Amino acid sequence: MKIALLTIILLTTGVLGSTASESQPGLLSLRTCTRNEYIEEYIPGTRNNPGYVKNWEETVEVPCQKKESNNNTYKLDNNDCSEGTIAGAILGGGVATAISRGKDRWWAIPAGVVGGSMFGCQIDGG
């Protein structure tokens, strides 16, 4: 009963339950991770003395898992609106040609091409 009580106290205080230790933050940060490994060894016997299995646990050092860092997460915008730009420019230039008359065509057609290309890019997903 005393051993069980002592084990519970040691586990709750963190003396036995710690599996990783880390140094103070600074220039060099060291982290050691361990795990308990169960080991069995067969001890062969003889006719008069039968064999048996001896078992124990050892604490071994293992590589630590890296923490996921969200600091270097970049959103990649791979929307390509080149088809919508071309189609919008052709359509905008055509509409400007159709509705403009006389001297107004010299500025209406380029404006229709630029406005149509911007509109087409937005519709295409850019």
Protein backbone atom coordinates (compact mmCIF):
# COMPACT_ATOMS: atom_id res chain seq x y z
CA MET A 1 0.00 0.00 0.00
CA LYS A 2 2.86 2.36 0.82
CA ILE A 3 4.53 1.67 -2.53
CA ALA A 4 1.32 2.39 -4.42
CA LEU A 5 0.86 5.67 -2.55
CA LEU A 6 4.49 6.66 -3.19
CA THR A 7 4.12 5.85 -6.90
CA ILE A 8 0.97 7.99 -7.21
CA ILE A 9 2.69 10.92 -5.49
CA LEU A 10 5.76 10.66 -7.72
CA LEU A 11 3.67 10.43 -10.90
CA THR A 12 1.50 13.43 -10.03
CA THR A 13 4.49 15.61 -9.15
CA GLY A 14 6.18 14.79 -12.45
CA VAL A 15 9.25 13.06 -11.09
CA LEU A 16 8.56 9.74 -12.86
CA GLY A 17 6.08 10.89 -15.50
CA SER A 18 8.27 13.25 -17.52
CA THR A 19 9.17 11.97 -20.98
CA ALA A 20 10.88 15.03 -22.46
CA SER A 21 13.09 17.72 -21.05
CA GLU A 22 13.91 20.99 -22.72
CA SER A 23 16.56 23.54 -21.86
CA GLN A 24 15.86 27.20 -21.24
CA PRO A 25 15.09 29.24 -24.35
CA GLY A 26 18.14 30.92 -25.73
CA LEU A 27 20.71 30.44 -28.42
CA LEU A 28 20.76 26.64 -28.18
CA SER A 29 17.70 24.57 -27.41
CA LEU A 30 18.22 20.91 -26.57
CA ARG A 31 15.37 18.47 -26.29
CA THR A 32 15.65 14.87 -25.19
CA CYS A 33 12.77 12.46 -25.75
CA THR A 34 12.53 9.01 -24.20
CA ARG A 35 10.19 6.07 -24.17
CA ASN A 36 9.86 2.95 -22.06
CA GLU A 37 10.74 -0.23 -23.92
CA TYR A 38 9.55 -3.64 -22.73
CA ILE A 39 12.27 -6.34 -23.01
CA GLU A 40 11.99 -10.10 -22.55
CA GLU A 41 14.84 -12.58 -22.39
CA TYR A 42 14.44 -16.34 -22.38
CA ILE A 43 16.70 -18.17 -19.98
CA PRO A 44 17.00 -21.78 -21.20
CA GLY A 45 16.75 -24.53 -18.70
CA THR A 46 17.75 -28.12 -18.22
CA ARG A 47 15.83 -31.24 -17.41
CA ASN A 48 16.13 -30.63 -13.69
CA ASN A 49 15.87 -26.83 -13.80
CA PRO A 50 13.21 -25.59 -16.29
CA GLY A 51 13.75 -22.42 -18.32
CA TYR A 52 11.96 -19.15 -17.68
CA VAL A 53 11.35 -15.75 -19.21
CA LYS A 54 12.96 -12.72 -17.60
CA ASN A 55 11.31 -9.37 -18.40
CA TRP A 56 11.99 -5.70 -17.59
CA GLU A 57 11.52 -2.18 -18.88
CA GLU A 58 14.28 0.18 -20.00
CA THR A 59 14.09 3.86 -20.79
CA VAL A 60 15.63 4.51 -24.22
CA GLU A 61 16.31 7.79 -26.00
CA VAL A 62 14.36 8.29 -29.25
CA PRO A 63 14.28 11.10 -31.85
CA CYS A 64 11.82 13.84 -30.93
CA GLN A 65 8.95 14.64 -33.24
CA LYS A 66 9.17 18.10 -34.76
CA LYS A 67 6.51 20.57 -33.79
CA GLU A 68 4.34 21.85 -36.62
CA SER A 69 5.00 25.52 -37.21
CA ASN A 70 2.40 27.71 -38.87
CA ASN A 71 4.79 30.66 -39.17
CA ASN A 72 5.94 29.73 -42.68
CA THR A 73 2.54 28.96 -44.15
CA TYR A 74 1.97 30.77 -47.40
CA LYS A 75 -1.21 30.80 -49.41
CA LEU A 76 -0.51 30.05 -53.05
CA ASP A 77 -2.81 31.78 -55.49
CA ASN A 78 -2.71 29.64 -58.59
CA ASN A 79 -5.75 31.18 -60.30
CA ASP A 80 -4.87 31.83 -63.92
CA CYS A 81 -7.13 34.28 -65.70
CA SER A 82 -5.31 34.43 -69.05
CA GLU A 83 -8.18 32.85 -71.02
CA GLY A 84 -10.73 35.20 -69.48
CA THR A 85 -8.49 38.19 -70.18
CA ILE A 86 -8.18 37.35 -73.87
CA ALA A 87 -11.86 36.59 -74.31
CA GLY A 88 -12.89 39.70 -72.38
CA ALA A 89 -10.54 41.93 -74.42
CA ILE A 90 -11.94 40.63 -77.72
CA LEU A 91 -15.52 40.98 -76.51
CA GLY A 92 -14.92 44.45 -75.02
CA GLY A 93 -13.22 45.68 -78.21
CA GLY A 94 -16.10 44.33 -80.30
CA VAL A 95 -18.73 45.99 -78.13
CA ALA A 96 -16.82 49.30 -78.24
CA THR A 97 -16.56 49.08 -82.03
CA ALA A 98 -20.27 48.39 -82.34
CA ILE A 99 -21.50 51.24 -80.15
CA SER A 100 -19.01 53.98 -81.07
CA ARG A 101 -19.29 56.28 -84.13
CA GLY A 102 -16.89 58.56 -85.97
CA LYS A 103 -14.07 60.21 -84.05
CA ASP A 104 -14.98 58.43 -80.76
CA ARG A 105 -13.60 55.10 -82.00
CA TRP A 106 -9.94 56.05 -81.44
CA TRP A 107 -10.40 56.00 -77.64
CA ALA A 108 -13.49 53.73 -77.30
CA ILE A 109 -11.92 50.62 -78.81
CA PRO A 110 -8.77 50.61 -76.55
CA ALA A 111 -10.93 51.43 -73.52
CA GLY A 112 -13.26 48.56 -74.42
CA VAL A 113 -10.30 46.18 -74.79
CA VAL A 114 -8.83 47.15 -71.39
CA GLY A 115 -12.19 47.12 -69.60
CA GLY A 116 -13.18 43.81 -71.21
CA SER A 117 -9.87 42.19 -70.26
CA MET A 118 -10.28 43.25 -66.61
CA PHE A 119 -13.88 42.05 -66.57
CA GLY A 120 -12.93 38.74 -68.23
CA CYS A 121 -10.15 38.12 -65.72
CA GLN A 122 -12.55 38.62 -62.80
CA ILE A 123 -15.09 36.24 -64.30
CA ASP A 124 -12.39 33.61 -65.01
CA GLY A 125 -11.37 33.45 -61.36
CA GLY A 126 -8.57 35.97 -60.94
